Amino acid sequence: MSAKEQLFSVYQKFYAQRHVLTEMPPLSMDLSTFTPETFDYATARSEVATLVSRLMGVRDIDKVELKNALDLIEKHYTSQPFWKNLILDYLSFTNKEEAEEAFNRVAKAKQRAETVLREIQQQEVNEKATIQAYAEPVKAQKFAINAEKMMQNYLNMCRKDAKKAWEILTTNPGWFSPIITTDSSGNTVLTAEQATEENKKIGKFLKGLSI
């Protein structure tokens, strides 16, 4: 039984005894027109909490520790099993309500975490696609630069300042990945002047690249 169903059951029992609760705050809902699915949960909860508080002689039963509440029940209602059981039903409901709320908080936190994870994963997919979309044409031109590294570093900077990152990419791409001036054996393949020219060519090519 859910907390909502438990509350409805407790309300029903109080409602059935309304004729003997004449000195208590009245119950506002006519249960002949409500079901566990349609009754006003907030109203029922408030009204029942008020009645139980009055029966227990406390200001607010929901603020009384369970142990103390049980002690009060034993003190005042040991010889009145109906009211004792009804108050215990209410305490059972509050425990169930608290457990459900905790469960729902965990479920919502898990859902948020899963949503964030999916967004991160999609962002990574999009980032890889962007890197390849720009890197492949650069590699096809056989430019002397590590195109993937250039684009990865460009995207990293984009997160902080997209406008500045694009300006650098299209004017000085070597800032994101140095122009390759030597081969794997350490032999010079581009002079300093050629590297500067290569850097300009790459920037111009990227600026005109339509992706």
Foldseek 3Di string as FASTA:
>chain_A
DALLQLLVVLLVLCQVVQVVVVVFDHQDDDCVPDDSVRDDSVSSLVRSQRVLCVVLVHPGPVPDDPVVSLVSLCVPPVVPVVVSVSSVSNVVSVVNVVVVVVVVVVVVVVVVVVVVVVVVVVVVVVLVVVLCLLQVVVVVVVQQWNSSQLSVQLVVVCVVPVVVSLVCCLAASCVSTNGDQADPVRHGPADPVRSNVSRNVRSPCSVPDDD
